[in-house]
């Protein structure tokens, strides 16, 4: 299976760090976050990787080269203008004849890609979204009212659980036909597939996941890798 990694974003939320360094090369412990992903993919048996680059792409190309030093084969797809999170797939449609993994290049996770692939195959979906669990603690008493404006329930400082996209997808080649030319994002693609009555499955990851796009999350990722590096690399 081929993996496609999105690594072309500007990383505006991590400025000023990303002014001179693309976000996928931000060091987490002793390795760039993108290197951790590449090593995880190799461990999962994925030896062919296409990196979609844009912003400061020369630095990413210089660091990873053809992938030989990491034991994988790496190709690059360069966008001359922003194409969103789904648009870059149009540029490499001829290189994706079979089921492929599509993921963001700025996530720290212990997600088992092989298990997710098995789930996708069993679901017989055209797309599977990797999901992560999140919780929010509410510091207030939450009041529910009925349709008449009368008191219904009181929940004192509840914890709300919800699911978020983990920036990891398994896609069939046919979904690329649903991507128009130009700028197009993954959420728009998923909604369009649903509207076209194509099956979209959801894989809930029970383990660890973190998007390093915000400064506080990046700092947390650095702390975790320094303490539990073998869990990820």
C-alpha atoms as a PDB file:
ATOM      1  CA  UNK A   1       0.000   0.000   0.000  1.00  0.00           C
ATOM      2  CA  UNK A   2       1.144   3.536  -0.778  1.00  0.00           C
ATOM      3  CA  UNK A   3       0.982   6.306   1.822  1.00  0.00           C
ATOM      4  CA  UNK A   4       0.448   9.938   0.861  1.00  0.00           C
ATOM      5  CA  UNK A   5       1.541  12.501   3.444  1.00  0.00           C
ATOM      6  CA  UNK A   6       0.384  16.128   3.405  1.00  0.00           C
ATOM      7  CA  UNK A   7       3.382  18.338   4.161  1.00  0.00           C
ATOM      8  CA  UNK A   8       2.779  21.535   2.219  1.00  0.00           C
ATOM      9  CA  UNK A   9       1.108  23.804   4.775  1.00  0.00           C
ATOM     10  CA  UNK A  10       2.528  27.070   6.081  1.00  0.00           C
ATOM     11  CA  UNK A  11       1.998  26.199   9.755  1.00  0.00           C
ATOM     12  CA  UNK A  12       0.798  29.690  10.644  1.00  0.00           C
ATOM     13  CA  UNK A  13      -0.222  28.741  14.192  1.00  0.00           C
ATOM     14  CA  UNK A  14       3.364  27.759  15.024  1.00  0.00           C
ATOM     15  CA  UNK A  15       4.981  30.977  13.863  1.00  0.00           C
ATOM     16  CA  UNK A  16       7.610  32.313  14.364  1.00  0.00           C
ATOM     17  CA  UNK A  17       9.118  28.789  14.416  1.00  0.00           C
ATOM     18  CA  UNK A  18       7.704  27.918  11.006  1.00  0.00           C
ATOM     19  CA  UNK A  19       8.955  31.077   9.306  1.00  0.00           C
ATOM     20  CA  UNK A  20      12.225  29.320   8.509  1.00  0.00           C
ATOM     21  CA  UNK A  21      11.209  25.673   9.057  1.00  0.00           C
ATOM     22  CA  UNK A  22       8.233  23.791   7.577  1.00  0.00           C
ATOM     23  CA  UNK A  23       5.957  22.346  10.247  1.00  0.00           C
ATOM     24  CA  UNK A  24       6.627  18.680   9.306  1.00  0.00           C
ATOM     25  CA  UNK A  25      10.323  19.272  10.116  1.00  0.00           C
ATOM     26  CA  UNK A  26       9.604  20.662  13.582  1.00  0.00           C
ATOM     27  CA  UNK A  27      11.691  18.544  15.978  1.00  0.00           C
ATOM     28  CA  UNK A  28       9.821  16.372  18.449  1.00  0.00           C
ATOM     29  CA  UNK A  29      12.478  14.911  20.695  1.00  0.00           C
ATOM     30  CA  UNK A  30      15.462  14.180  18.472  1.00  0.00           C
ATOM     31  CA  UNK A  31      13.493  13.712  15.258  1.00  0.00           C
ATOM     32  CA  UNK A  32      11.222  15.816  13.029  1.00  0.00           C
ATOM     33  CA  UNK A  33       7.582  14.846  13.400  1.00  0.00           C
ATOM     34  CA  UNK A  34       7.529  13.745   9.749  1.00  0.00           C
ATOM     35  CA  UNK A  35      10.457  11.375  10.334  1.00  0.00           C
ATOM     36  CA  UNK A  36       8.535   9.711  13.158  1.00  0.00           C
ATOM     37  CA  UNK A  37       5.616   9.157  10.775  1.00  0.00           C
ATOM     38  CA  UNK A  38       7.873   7.745   8.061  1.00  0.00           C
ATOM     39  CA  UNK A  39       9.390   5.253  10.519  1.00  0.00           C
ATOM     40  CA  UNK A  40       5.930   4.242  11.734  1.00  0.00           C
ATOM     41  CA  UNK A  41       4.799   3.639   8.164  1.00  0.00           C
ATOM     42  CA  UNK A  42       7.829   1.478   7.478  1.00  0.00           C
ATOM     43  CA  UNK A  43       7.081  -0.548  10.610  1.00  0.00           C
ATOM     44  CA  UNK A  44       3.545  -1.072   9.288  1.00  0.00           C
ATOM     45  CA  UNK A  45       4.995  -2.522   6.093  1.00  0.00           C
ATOM     46  CA  UNK A  46       4.438   0.546   3.917  1.00  0.00           C
ATOM     47  CA  UNK A  47       7.534   1.070   1.792  1.00  0.00           C
ATOM     48  CA  UNK A  48       6.271   3.565  -0.820  1.00  0.00           C
ATOM     49  CA  UNK A  49       5.509   7.124   0.322  1.00  0.00           C
ATOM     50  CA  UNK A  50       4.501  10.210  -1.645  1.00  0.00           C
ATOM     51  CA  UNK A  51       4.980  13.497   0.201  1.00  0.00           C
ATOM     52  CA  UNK A  52       2.822  16.395  -1.005  1.00  0.00           C
ATOM     53  CA  UNK A  53       4.997  19.479  -0.522  1.00  0.00           C
ATOM     54  CA  UNK A  54       4.678  23.211  -1.017  1.00  0.00           C
ATOM     55  CA  UNK A  55       5.915  25.659   1.620  1.00  0.00           C
ATOM     56  CA  UNK A  56       9.719  25.433   2.080  1.00  0.00           C
ATOM     57  CA  UNK A  57       9.644  22.144   0.196  1.00  0.00           C
ATOM     58  CA  UNK A  58      13.378  22.227  -0.569  1.00  0.00           C
ATOM     59  CA  UNK A  59      14.125  21.615   3.114  1.00  0.00           C
ATOM     60  CA  UNK A  60      11.872  18.555   3.225  1.00  0.00           C
ATOM     61  CA  UNK A  61      13.381  17.186   0.018  1.00  0.00           C
ATOM     62  CA  UNK A  62      16.906  17.747   1.335  1.00  0.00           C
ATOM     63  CA  UNK A  63      16.184  15.987   4.631  1.00  0.00           C
ATOM     64  CA  UNK A  64      14.384  12.906   3.323  1.00  0.00           C
ATOM     65  CA  UNK A  65      15.877  12.552  -0.151  1.00  0.00           C
ATOM     66  CA  UNK A  66      14.667   9.423  -1.911  1.00  0.00           C
ATOM     67  CA  UNK A  67      13.928   7.743   1.438  1.00  0.00           C
ATOM     68  CA  UNK A  68      16.746   5.187   1.150  1.00  0.00           C
ATOM     69  CA  UNK A  69      18.279   6.106   4.510  1.00  0.00           C
ATOM     70  CA  UNK A  70      14.911   5.391   6.147  1.00  0.00           C
ATOM     71  CA  UNK A  71      14.385   2.111   4.321  1.00  0.00           C
ATOM     72  CA  UNK A  72      11.500   3.379   2.181  1.00  0.00           C
ATOM     73  CA  UNK A  73      10.947   4.849  -1.290  1.00  0.00           C
ATOM     74  CA  UNK A  74       9.914   8.499  -1.238  1.00  0.00           C
ATOM     75  CA  UNK A  75       8.556  10.587  -4.101  1.00  0.00           C
ATOM     76  CA  UNK A  76       7.367  14.191  -3.984  1.00  0.00           C
ATOM     77  CA  UNK A  77       4.416  16.045  -5.434  1.00  0.00           C
ATOM     78  CA  UNK A  78       4.793  19.803  -5.530  1.00  0.00           C
ATOM     79  CA  UNK A  79       1.894  22.250  -5.690  1.00  0.00           C
ATOM     80  CA  UNK A  80       2.578  25.648  -7.257  1.00  0.00           C
ATOM     81  CA  UNK A  81      -0.466  27.140  -5.559  1.00  0.00           C
ATOM     82  CA  UNK A  82      -2.459  26.132  -2.449  1.00  0.00           C
ATOM     83  CA  UNK A  83      -4.772  23.202  -3.199  1.00  0.00           C
ATOM     84  CA  UNK A  84      -6.232  22.540   0.245  1.00  0.00           C
ATOM     85  CA  UNK A  85      -6.066  19.188   1.995  1.00  0.00           C
ATOM     86  CA  UNK A  86      -7.712  17.115  -0.766  1.00  0.00           C
ATOM     87  CA  UNK A  87      -6.701  18.968  -3.927  1.00  0.00           C
ATOM     88  CA  UNK A  88      -3.127  17.585  -3.992  1.00  0.00           C
ATOM     89  CA  UNK A  89      -4.508  14.099  -4.702  1.00  0.00           C
ATOM     90  CA  UNK A  90      -5.554  15.235  -8.180  1.00  0.00           C
ATOM     91  CA  UNK A  91      -1.895  15.789  -9.063  1.00  0.00           C
ATOM     92  CA  UNK A  92      -0.923  12.188  -8.325  1.00  0.00           C
ATOM     93  CA  UNK A  93      -4.048  10.261  -9.319  1.00  0.00           C
ATOM     94  CA  UNK A  94      -2.046   8.206 -11.838  1.00  0.00           C
ATOM     95  CA  UNK A  95       0.227   6.996  -9.016  1.00  0.00           C
ATOM     96  CA  UNK A  96      -2.632   5.718  -6.861  1.00  0.00           C
ATOM     97  CA  UNK A  97      -4.114   2.681  -8.632  1.00  0.00           C
ATOM     98  CA  UNK A  98      -5.019   0.875  -5.415  1.00  0.00           C
ATOM     99  CA  UNK A  99      -6.188   1.512  -1.850  1.00  0.00           C
ATOM    100  CA  UNK A 100      -3.933   4.098  -0.207  1.00  0.00           C
ATOM    101  CA  UNK A 101      -3.304   5.719   3.155  1.00  0.00           C
ATOM    102  CA  UNK A 102      -3.634   9.510   3.317  1.00  0.00           C
ATOM    103  CA  UNK A 103      -2.489  11.397   6.373  1.00  0.00           C
ATOM    104  CA  UNK A 104      -1.388  14.755   7.724  1.00  0.00           C
ATOM    105  CA  UNK A 105       2.329  15.233   8.244  1.00  0.00           C
ATOM    106  CA  UNK A 106       2.012  16.884  11.656  1.00  0.00           C
ATOM    107  CA  UNK A 107       0.433  14.244  13.894  1.00  0.00           C
ATOM    108  CA  UNK A 108       1.888  12.245  16.770  1.00  0.00           C
ATOM    109  CA  UNK A 109       0.024   8.996  17.304  1.00  0.00           C
ATOM    110  CA  UNK A 110       0.352   5.318  18.139  1.00  0.00           C
ATOM    111  CA  UNK A 111      -2.393   4.403  15.679  1.00  0.00           C
ATOM    112  CA  UNK A 112      -1.895   0.960  14.110  1.00  0.00           C
ATOM    113  CA  UNK A 113      -2.164   1.584  10.361  1.00  0.00           C
ATOM    114  CA  UNK A 114      -2.388  -2.138   9.564  1.00  0.00           C
ATOM    115  CA  UNK A 115      -5.383  -2.596  11.872  1.00  0.00           C
ATOM    116  CA  UNK A 116      -7.088   0.433  10.356  1.00  0.00           C
ATOM    117  CA  UNK A 117      -6.539  -1.013   6.865  1.00  0.00           C
ATOM    118  CA  UNK A 118      -8.129  -4.325   7.889  1.00  0.00           C
ATOM    119  CA  UNK A 119     -11.127  -2.403   9.250  1.00  0.00           C
ATOM    120  CA  UNK A 120     -11.417  -0.477   5.978  1.00  0.00           C
ATOM    121  CA  UNK A 121     -11.377  -3.638   3.880  1.00  0.00           C
ATOM    122  CA  UNK A 122     -14.056  -5.303   6.001  1.00  0.00           C
ATOM    123  CA  UNK A 123     -16.269  -2.199   5.817  1.00  0.00           C
ATOM    124  CA  UNK A 124     -16.160  -2.194   1.983  1.00  0.00           C
ATOM    125  CA  UNK A 125     -16.220   1.598   2.063  1.00  0.00           C
ATOM    126  CA  UNK A 126     -14.650   3.967  -0.461  1.00  0.00           C
ATOM    127  CA  UNK A 127     -13.200   5.979   2.412  1.00  0.00           C
ATOM    128  CA  UNK A 128     -12.448   5.404   6.080  1.00  0.00           C
ATOM    129  CA  UNK A 129     -11.855   8.294   8.468  1.00  0.00           C
ATOM    130  CA  UNK A 130      -9.562   7.772  11.431  1.00  0.00           C
ATOM    131  CA  UNK A 131     -11.152   9.275  14.549  1.00  0.00           C
ATOM    132  CA  UNK A 132      -9.698  10.195  17.931  1.00  0.00           C
ATOM    133  CA  UNK A 133     -11.583  10.639  21.194  1.00  0.00           C
ATOM    134  CA  UNK A 134     -11.520  13.966  22.979  1.00  0.00           C
ATOM    135  CA  UNK A 135     -12.935  15.226  26.281  1.00  0.00           C
ATOM    136  CA  UNK A 136     -13.782  18.711  27.521  1.00  0.00           C
ATOM    137  CA  UNK A 137     -14.397  19.460  31.198  1.00  0.00           C
ATOM    138  CA  UNK A 138     -17.100  22.092  31.709  1.00  0.00           C
ATOM    139  CA  UNK A 139     -16.456  24.224  34.797  1.00  0.00           C
ATOM    140  CA  UNK A 140     -20.084  25.275  35.235  1.00  0.00           C
ATOM    141  CA  UNK A 141     -23.423  23.755  36.036  1.00  0.00           C
ATOM    142  CA  UNK A 142     -25.042  22.960  32.680  1.00  0.00           C
ATOM    143  CA  UNK A 143     -28.807  23.485  32.566  1.00  0.00           C
ATOM    144  CA  UNK A 144     -31.150  21.838  30.090  1.00  0.00           C
ATOM    145  CA  UNK A 145     -34.636  23.207  29.454  1.00  0.00           C
ATOM    146  CA  UNK A 146     -37.647  21.729  27.718  1.00  0.00           C
ATOM    147  CA  UNK A 147     -39.623  23.119  24.795  1.00  0.00           C
ATOM    148  CA  UNK A 148     -41.657  25.338  27.132  1.00  0.00           C
ATOM    149  CA  UNK A 149     -38.615  27.002  28.650  1.00  0.00           C
ATOM    150  CA  UNK A 150     -38.947  25.089  31.936  1.00  0.00           C
ATOM    151  CA  UNK A 151     -36.118  23.419  33.826  1.00  0.00           C
ATOM    152  CA  UNK A 152     -35.397  19.864  32.679  1.00  0.00           C
ATOM    153  CA  UNK A 153     -31.934  18.725  33.864  1.00  0.00           C
ATOM    154  CA  UNK A 154     -28.970  20.012  35.828  1.00  0.00           C
ATOM    155  CA  UNK A 155     -25.496  18.597  35.102  1.00  0.00           C
ATOM    156  CA  UNK A 156     -22.879  19.909  37.490  1.00  0.00           C
ATOM    157  CA  UNK A 157     -19.473  20.378  35.817  1.00  0.00           C
ATOM    158  CA  UNK A 158     -19.950  17.611  33.280  1.00  0.00           C
ATOM    159  CA  UNK A 159     -17.338  16.124  30.972  1.00  0.00           C
ATOM    160  CA  UNK A 160     -18.316  16.143  27.315  1.00  0.00           C
ATOM    161  CA  UNK A 161     -16.856  13.459  25.059  1.00  0.00           C
ATOM    162  CA  UNK A 162     -16.677  13.818  21.284  1.00  0.00           C
ATOM    163  CA  UNK A 163     -14.858  12.441  18.236  1.00  0.00           C
ATOM    164  CA  UNK A 164     -12.488  14.389  15.978  1.00  0.00           C
ATOM    165  CA  UNK A 165     -10.779  13.646  12.706  1.00  0.00           C
ATOM    166  CA  UNK A 166      -7.332  12.209  13.405  1.00  0.00           C
ATOM    167  CA  UNK A 167      -5.982  13.458  10.077  1.00  0.00           C
ATOM    168  CA  UNK A 168      -5.674   9.857   8.860  1.00  0.00           C
ATOM    169  CA  UNK A 169      -7.710   8.337   6.047  1.00  0.00           C
ATOM    170  CA  UNK A 170      -7.751   5.193   3.940  1.00  0.00           C
ATOM    171  CA  UNK A 171      -9.137   5.870   0.481  1.00  0.00           C
ATOM    172  CA  UNK A 172      -9.991   3.982  -2.665  1.00  0.00           C
ATOM    173  CA  UNK A 173      -8.717   5.480  -5.962  1.00  0.00           C
ATOM    174  CA  UNK A 174     -12.279   6.196  -7.131  1.00  0.00           C
ATOM    175  CA  UNK A 175     -12.711   8.972  -4.559  1.00  0.00           C
ATOM    176  CA  UNK A 176     -10.273  11.144  -6.517  1.00  0.00           C
ATOM    177  CA  UNK A 177     -12.916  11.479  -9.237  1.00  0.00           C
ATOM    178  CA  UNK A 178     -15.011  13.389  -6.698  1.00  0.00           C
ATOM    179  CA  UNK A 179     -12.280  16.014  -6.215  1.00  0.00           C
ATOM    180  CA  UNK A 180     -12.683  19.046  -8.532  1.00  0.00           C
ATOM    181  CA  UNK A 181      -9.767  20.976  -9.982  1.00  0.00           C
ATOM    182  CA  UNK A 182      -8.264  23.621  -7.740  1.00  0.00           C
ATOM    183  CA  UNK A 183      -8.582  24.193  -3.991  1.00  0.00           C
ATOM    184  CA  UNK A 184     -10.571  21.509  -2.160  1.00  0.00           C
ATOM    185  CA  UNK A 185     -10.476  20.234   1.415  1.00  0.00           C
ATOM    186  CA  UNK A 186     -10.936  16.790   2.916  1.00  0.00           C
ATOM    187  CA  UNK A 187     -14.105  17.715   4.901  1.00  0.00           C
ATOM    188  CA  UNK A 188     -15.701  18.849   1.633  1.00  0.00           C
ATOM    189  CA  UNK A 189     -14.671  15.589  -0.027  1.00  0.00           C
ATOM    190  CA  UNK A 190     -16.144  13.438   2.747  1.00  0.00           C
ATOM    191  CA  UNK A 191     -19.432  15.362   2.662  1.00  0.00           C
ATOM    192  CA  UNK A 192     -19.523  15.067  -1.132  1.00  0.00           C
ATOM    193  CA  UNK A 193     -18.948  11.308  -0.992  1.00  0.00           C
ATOM    194  CA  UNK A 194     -21.827  11.003   1.459  1.00  0.00           C
ATOM    195  CA  UNK A 195     -24.037  13.097  -0.820  1.00  0.00           C
ATOM    196  CA  UNK A 196     -23.111  10.788  -3.691  1.00  0.00           C
ATOM    197  CA  UNK A 197     -24.361   7.878  -1.521  1.00  0.00           C
ATOM    198  CA  UNK A 198     -20.904   6.324  -1.300  1.00  0.00           C
ATOM    199  CA  UNK A 199     -20.040   4.519   1.916  1.00  0.00           C
ATOM    200  CA  UNK A 200     -17.718   6.337   4.309  1.00  0.00           C
ATOM    201  CA  UNK A 201     -16.611   4.295   7.320  1.00  0.00           C
ATOM    202  CA  UNK A 202     -15.216   5.579  10.621  1.00  0.00           C
ATOM    203  CA  UNK A 203     -12.385   3.923  12.546  1.00  0.00           C
ATOM    204  CA  UNK A 204     -12.182   4.995  16.199  1.00  0.00           C
ATOM    205  CA  UNK A 205      -8.624   4.960  17.511  1.00  0.00           C
ATOM    206  CA  UNK A 206      -8.591   4.098  21.209  1.00  0.00           C
ATOM    207  CA  UNK A 207      -4.949   5.065  21.774  1.00  0.00           C
ATOM    208  CA  UNK A 208      -2.921   8.266  21.671  1.00  0.00           C
ATOM    209  CA  UNK A 209      -3.252  11.040  19.096  1.00  0.00           C
ATOM    210  CA  UNK A 210      -2.093  14.652  19.003  1.00  0.00           C
ATOM    211  CA  UNK A 211      -2.000  17.294  16.288  1.00  0.00           C
ATOM    212  CA  UNK A 212       1.079  19.485  16.841  1.00  0.00           C
ATOM    213  CA  UNK A 213      -0.394  22.465  14.970  1.00  0.00           C
ATOM    214  CA  UNK A 214      -0.776  24.623  18.093  1.00  0.00           C
ATOM    215  CA  UNK A 215       2.130  25.725  20.263  1.00  0.00           C
ATOM    216  CA  UNK A 216       0.776  24.109  23.436  1.00  0.00           C
ATOM    217  CA  UNK A 217       0.192  20.818  21.614  1.00  0.00           C
ATOM    218  CA  UNK A 218       3.656  20.921  20.073  1.00  0.00           C
ATOM    219  CA  UNK A 219       5.197  21.434  23.511  1.00  0.00           C
ATOM    220  CA  UNK A 220       3.138  18.529  24.863  1.00  0.00           C
ATOM    221  CA  UNK A 221       4.326  16.307  22.004  1.00  0.00           C
ATOM    222  CA  UNK A 222       7.958  17.175  22.779  1.00  0.00           C
ATOM    223  CA  UNK A 223       7.440  16.292  26.444  1.00  0.00           C
ATOM    224  CA  UNK A 224       5.787  12.975  25.658  1.00  0.00           C
ATOM    225  CA  UNK A 225       8.431  11.872  23.180  1.00  0.00           C
ATOM    226  CA  UNK A 226      11.217  12.740  25.590  1.00  0.00           C
ATOM    227  CA  UNK A 227       9.520  10.554  28.215  1.00  0.00           C
ATOM    228  CA  UNK A 228       8.071   7.757  26.072  1.00  0.00           C
ATOM    229  CA  UNK A 229       9.951   7.961  22.795  1.00  0.00           C
ATOM    230  CA  UNK A 230       9.911   4.202  22.145  1.00  0.00           C
ATOM    231  CA  UNK A 231       6.119   4.308  22.141  1.00  0.00           C
ATOM    232  CA  UNK A 232       6.205   6.293  18.892  1.00  0.00           C
ATOM    233  CA  UNK A 233       9.522   5.590  17.152  1.00  0.00           C
END
